[in-house]
Protein backbone atom coordinates (compact mmCIF):
# COMPACT_ATOMS: atom_id res chain seq x y z
CA MET A 1 -33.56 0.09 -6.86
CA LEU A 2 -32.27 0.41 -10.44
CA ASN A 3 -32.08 3.85 -12.08
CA GLN A 4 -32.51 5.61 -8.76
CA GLU A 5 -29.84 7.39 -6.77
CA GLN A 6 -29.20 5.88 -3.35
CA LEU A 7 -27.54 7.69 -0.46
CA LEU A 8 -25.09 5.24 1.12
CA PHE A 9 -23.27 7.54 3.55
CA GLN A 10 -23.71 11.03 4.94
CA GLN A 11 -21.72 12.93 7.56
CA GLU A 12 -21.31 16.61 8.35
CA THR A 13 -17.64 17.40 9.00
CA ALA A 14 -15.48 20.47 9.47
CA GLY A 15 -14.48 20.04 5.84
CA GLY A 16 -18.06 19.99 4.58
CA LEU A 17 -21.00 17.65 4.10
CA ILE A 18 -19.67 14.29 2.93
CA GLU A 19 -21.98 11.99 1.00
CA VAL A 20 -21.57 8.74 -0.90
CA TRP A 21 -24.17 8.15 -3.61
CA GLN A 22 -24.81 5.26 -5.96
CA LYS A 23 -26.83 4.81 -9.12
CA ASP A 24 -26.68 1.39 -10.76
CA SER A 25 -22.95 0.53 -10.96
CA HIS A 26 -21.74 4.11 -10.53
CA ARG A 27 -20.78 5.23 -7.01
CA TRP A 28 -19.44 8.67 -6.21
CA LEU A 29 -18.26 10.95 -3.43
CA ASN A 30 -19.76 14.40 -2.91
CA ILE A 31 -18.44 17.12 -0.62
CA ASP A 32 -20.94 19.93 -0.22
CA ALA A 33 -22.82 18.57 -3.26
CA VAL A 34 -19.73 18.76 -5.50
CA VAL A 35 -18.56 15.48 -7.05
CA GLN A 36 -15.03 14.61 -5.92
CA SER A 37 -14.43 11.07 -7.14
CA GLY A 38 -16.20 8.03 -8.51
CA ILE A 39 -15.99 4.31 -9.08
CA ASN A 40 -17.65 1.78 -11.35
CA ILE A 41 -18.30 -0.96 -8.80
CA ASN A 42 -18.43 -3.59 -11.55
CA GLN A 43 -15.06 -2.45 -12.92
CA PRO A 44 -13.28 -0.78 -9.99
CA GLU A 45 -9.95 -0.84 -11.82
CA LEU A 46 -11.16 1.76 -14.34
CA LEU A 47 -9.98 5.34 -13.97
CA VAL A 48 -13.17 7.33 -14.46
CA SER A 49 -12.12 10.97 -14.07
CA PRO A 50 -10.59 12.90 -17.02
CA LEU A 51 -8.62 14.86 -14.41
CA HIS A 52 -6.94 11.67 -13.21
CA HIS A 53 -6.11 10.81 -16.82
CA ALA A 54 -4.48 14.23 -17.11
CA PHE A 55 -2.35 13.60 -14.01
CA LEU A 56 -0.86 10.55 -15.72
CA ALA A 57 0.62 12.76 -18.45
CA ALA A 58 3.55 13.16 -16.05
CA LEU A 59 4.65 9.68 -17.11
CA LEU A 60 5.61 11.12 -20.49
CA PHE A 61 8.42 12.96 -18.70
CA ILE A 62 9.52 10.73 -15.81
CA GLU A 63 10.29 7.07 -15.19
CA THR A 64 7.60 4.89 -13.64
CA PRO A 65 7.44 6.16 -10.05
CA LYS A 66 8.32 3.84 -7.20
CA LYS A 67 6.85 6.07 -4.49
CA ILE A 68 3.86 8.40 -4.79
CA LEU A 69 2.32 11.00 -2.49
CA LEU A 70 -1.29 12.11 -2.78
CA ALA A 71 -1.83 15.53 -1.23
CA GLY A 72 -5.59 15.34 -1.02
CA MET A 73 -6.97 11.94 -1.95
CA GLY A 74 -10.61 12.37 -2.94
CA ALA A 75 -11.96 8.87 -2.48
CA GLY A 76 -8.68 7.23 -3.45
CA ALA A 77 -9.52 6.52 -7.10
CA PHE A 78 -5.99 7.30 -8.25
CA ALA A 79 -4.45 5.01 -5.62
CA ARG A 80 -6.83 2.20 -6.55
CA TYR A 81 -6.00 2.51 -10.23
CA ILE A 82 -2.23 2.76 -9.73
CA HIS A 83 -2.29 -0.31 -7.49
CA HIS A 84 -4.24 -2.26 -10.11
CA VAL A 85 -1.82 -1.42 -12.93
CA ASN A 86 1.40 -1.70 -10.91
CA PRO A 87 1.05 -3.31 -7.45
CA ALA A 88 4.77 -2.75 -6.77
CA ILE A 89 4.35 1.03 -6.51
CA GLN A 90 4.23 2.33 -2.95
CA GLY A 91 2.02 5.24 -2.07
CA GLU A 92 0.89 7.49 0.72
CA ALA A 93 -2.11 9.78 0.96
CA VAL A 94 -2.24 12.77 3.29
CA GLU A 95 -5.84 13.62 4.10
CA ILE A 96 -6.96 16.08 6.75
CA ASN A 97 -10.52 14.74 6.96
CA GLU A 98 -10.65 11.38 8.73
CA ALA A 99 -14.14 10.64 7.39
CA ILE A 100 -12.70 10.63 3.86
CA SER A 101 -10.22 7.92 4.80
CA VAL A 102 -13.02 5.80 6.25
CA ILE A 103 -15.22 5.97 3.17
CA ALA A 104 -12.24 5.46 0.82
CA LYS A 105 -11.65 2.08 2.43
CA GLN A 106 -15.29 1.14 2.97
CA TYR A 107 -16.87 2.29 -0.29
CA PHE A 108 -14.10 2.90 -2.84
CA ASP A 109 -11.69 -0.05 -2.55
CA PHE A 110 -8.66 1.88 -1.35
CA PRO A 111 -5.67 -0.53 -1.62
CA GLU A 112 -5.00 -2.62 1.46
CA THR A 113 -1.31 -3.15 0.67
CA LYS A 114 1.52 -0.83 -0.44
CA TRP A 115 -0.65 2.23 0.24
CA LYS A 116 -1.21 4.13 3.46
CA ILE A 117 -3.56 6.95 4.48
CA ASN A 118 -2.15 9.52 6.90
CA ILE A 119 -4.63 11.75 8.74
CA ASP A 120 -2.63 14.96 8.74
CA ASN A 121 -2.33 18.46 7.33
CA ILE A 122 -0.19 18.47 4.20
CA ARG A 123 1.35 21.75 5.36
CA GLN A 124 3.00 19.90 8.22
CA TRP A 125 3.81 16.69 6.36
CA GLN A 126 7.43 15.52 6.60
CA GLY A 127 7.62 12.78 3.96
CA LYS A 128 10.62 12.50 1.65
CA SER A 129 11.87 11.09 -1.65
CA TYR A 130 8.61 10.84 -3.58
CA ASP A 131 8.97 10.26 -7.31
CA PHE A 132 5.54 11.72 -8.00
CA ILE A 133 3.44 14.09 -5.89
CA LEU A 134 -0.16 14.84 -6.82
CA ALA A 135 -1.58 17.94 -5.19
CA ASP A 136 -5.35 18.04 -5.62
CA ILE A 137 -6.81 20.29 -2.92
CA ALA A 138 -9.68 22.74 -3.19
CA GLU A 139 -11.39 25.09 -0.77
CA ASP A 140 -14.71 26.57 -1.90
CA GLU A 141 -14.06 24.96 -5.31
CA LEU A 142 -10.80 26.89 -5.83
CA THR A 143 -7.15 26.08 -5.24
CA PRO A 144 -6.27 27.69 -1.88
CA ALA A 145 -3.65 30.44 -2.01
CA TRP A 146 -1.44 28.65 0.52
CA LEU A 147 -0.99 25.67 -1.83
CA THR A 148 0.76 27.82 -4.44
CA SER A 149 2.74 29.92 -1.96
CA GLU A 150 6.52 29.85 -2.19
CA MET A 151 6.75 28.20 1.22
CA MET A 152 4.42 25.33 0.31
CA LEU A 153 5.95 24.81 -3.11
CA LEU A 154 9.43 24.66 -1.59
CA GLN A 155 8.19 22.07 0.88
CA LEU A 156 6.77 19.93 -1.92
CA LYS A 157 9.90 20.36 -4.05
CA ASN A 158 12.10 19.26 -1.16
CA GLN A 159 9.95 16.16 -0.71
CA LEU A 160 10.57 15.03 -4.29
CA SER A 161 13.27 12.62 -5.36
CA LEU A 162 15.98 14.00 -7.65
CA GLN A 163 14.06 12.90 -10.74
CA GLY A 164 10.61 13.52 -9.25
CA ALA A 165 7.66 15.52 -10.53
CA LEU A 166 4.83 17.48 -8.97
CA ALA A 167 1.37 17.55 -10.57
CA MET A 168 -0.92 20.25 -9.23
CA ASN A 169 -4.59 20.66 -10.07
CA LEU A 170 -5.22 24.39 -10.42
CA LEU A 171 -8.75 25.67 -10.03
CA VAL A 172 -8.78 29.44 -10.44
CA ASN A 173 -11.46 32.01 -11.20
CA ASP A 174 -9.56 34.18 -13.70
CA ALA A 175 -6.51 34.38 -15.94
CA GLN A 176 -4.68 36.68 -13.55
CA SER A 177 -4.93 34.17 -10.71
CA PHE A 178 -3.65 31.41 -12.99
CA GLN A 179 -0.73 33.49 -14.21
CA GLN A 180 0.31 34.44 -10.69
CA SER A 181 0.20 30.81 -9.56
CA LEU A 182 2.21 29.70 -12.57
CA ILE A 183 4.81 32.44 -12.05
CA THR A 184 5.38 31.22 -8.50
CA ILE A 185 5.58 27.56 -9.52
CA ARG A 186 8.05 28.37 -12.30
CA LYS A 187 10.15 30.42 -9.90
CA ILE A 188 10.49 27.56 -7.41
CA PHE A 189 11.03 24.90 -10.08
CA LYS A 190 13.41 26.96 -12.23
CA ARG A 191 10.97 27.17 -15.16
CA GLN A 192 10.80 23.37 -15.53
CA THR A 193 7.04 23.24 -15.96
CA VAL A 194 4.37 22.23 -18.42
CA CYS A 195 0.61 22.93 -18.36
CA LEU A 196 -2.29 20.71 -19.39
CA THR A 197 -5.90 21.76 -19.73
CA VAL A 198 -8.66 19.20 -19.20
CA PRO A 199 -11.25 19.37 -22.01
CA ASP A 200 -14.76 20.29 -20.85
CA HIS A 201 -13.43 21.04 -17.36
CA LYS A 202 -12.06 24.20 -15.77
CA ASN A 203 -9.12 22.32 -14.29
CA ILE A 204 -5.57 23.09 -15.39
CA VAL A 205 -2.88 20.64 -14.35
CA VAL A 206 0.59 22.10 -13.90
CA PHE A 207 3.52 19.69 -13.89
CA ALA A 208 6.78 20.82 -12.28
CA PHE A 209 10.01 18.83 -12.48
CA ASN A 210 12.78 18.57 -9.93
CA ASN A 211 15.48 17.62 -12.44
CA GLN A 212 16.98 20.91 -13.59
CA THR A 213 19.48 19.36 -16.02
CA LYS A 214 17.24 17.14 -18.15
CA GLU A 215 16.43 18.31 -21.66
CA TYR A 216 12.85 17.68 -22.78
CA SER A 217 11.95 17.36 -26.44
CA SER A 218 8.72 16.59 -28.24
CA ALA A 219 10.39 13.69 -30.06
CA ALA A 220 11.60 12.07 -26.84
CA VAL A 221 8.22 12.46 -25.18
CA LYS A 222 6.32 11.20 -28.23
CA SER A 223 8.46 8.06 -28.47
CA GLN A 224 6.90 6.72 -25.26
CA ILE A 225 3.26 7.10 -26.23
CA VAL A 226 2.58 3.58 -27.52
CA SER A 227 4.20 1.72 -24.63
CA LEU A 228 2.62 3.95 -22.01
CA SER A 229 -0.83 3.61 -23.56
CA GLN A 230 -0.51 -0.18 -23.56
CA THR A 231 0.71 -0.31 -19.97
CA TRP A 232 -1.72 2.13 -18.42
CA GLY A 233 -4.77 1.81 -20.67
CA ILE A 234 -4.92 5.58 -21.13
CA ASP A 235 -4.91 7.58 -24.37
CA PHE A 236 -1.46 9.14 -24.06
CA ASP A 237 -1.59 10.29 -27.68
CA ALA A 238 -4.52 12.58 -26.84
CA LEU A 239 -2.69 13.82 -23.74
CA PHE A 240 0.43 14.55 -25.78
CA LYS A 241 -1.51 16.47 -28.42
CA GLN A 242 -3.20 18.51 -25.72
CA LEU A 243 0.20 19.23 -24.16
CA GLN A 244 1.50 20.46 -27.50
CA SER A 245 -1.53 22.68 -27.96
CA ASP A 246 -1.27 24.11 -24.45
CA ASN A 247 2.52 24.57 -24.55
CA PRO A 248 3.67 25.79 -27.97
CA VAL A 249 7.43 25.98 -28.48
CA GLY A 250 8.85 28.95 -26.61
CA SER A 251 5.71 29.51 -24.57
CA PHE A 252 5.68 30.76 -21.01
CA GLY A 253 4.10 27.63 -19.58
CA GLY A 254 6.17 24.75 -20.89
CA VAL A 255 9.46 22.87 -21.02
CA PHE A 256 9.43 22.17 -24.77
């Protein structure tokens, strides 16, 4: 019925209560009543979440990735969008909750080709040579401490290609927790990092780059804005301006 929320799927799992809801053309995934991902079923190719837009800011710094790893997949919105824009890109998702993989395919149009879902714990994952790794994992609505530990960050760094980048969604409850996480990330990635806040959200995306020799400049990054915006249908100019605001020259958080 129009204008009413419909419950399409519900399952209690070790990772929480999973629900799929729909209202009109909007369908979304909840875990323990917290929205994780969504899709416009009339326009499934659209990237709905501002957080996912923020992840794409990595493309201002790296070449178009050929191989992507999703550490935590939500409902697969990012995979669906990437596959729509560039079907040649290969991707893998590592998801510990099997129910999530089922609903990603059944309700959220997870790509049938070039992408694979692996039911596994990212802490034991052995993949290699990813050009872009997205780490988007939360426990009790916060980034778990193990995800920003030196051991885990070294694992992720070693799984990147030589020119690869890591994008990590940080959800923290205070400035001290954020600073400590950033210090550890910058230690492992030799200070090759940049931070991006997401307007009207508490998320902070930290990008970390495996290439220790590349020089980043605002001019070089800015020169790609028009072509990237046309290719990906995302406002890269707004992302760039936010990056500049969040990472002033000489700041602790950035590569500029």
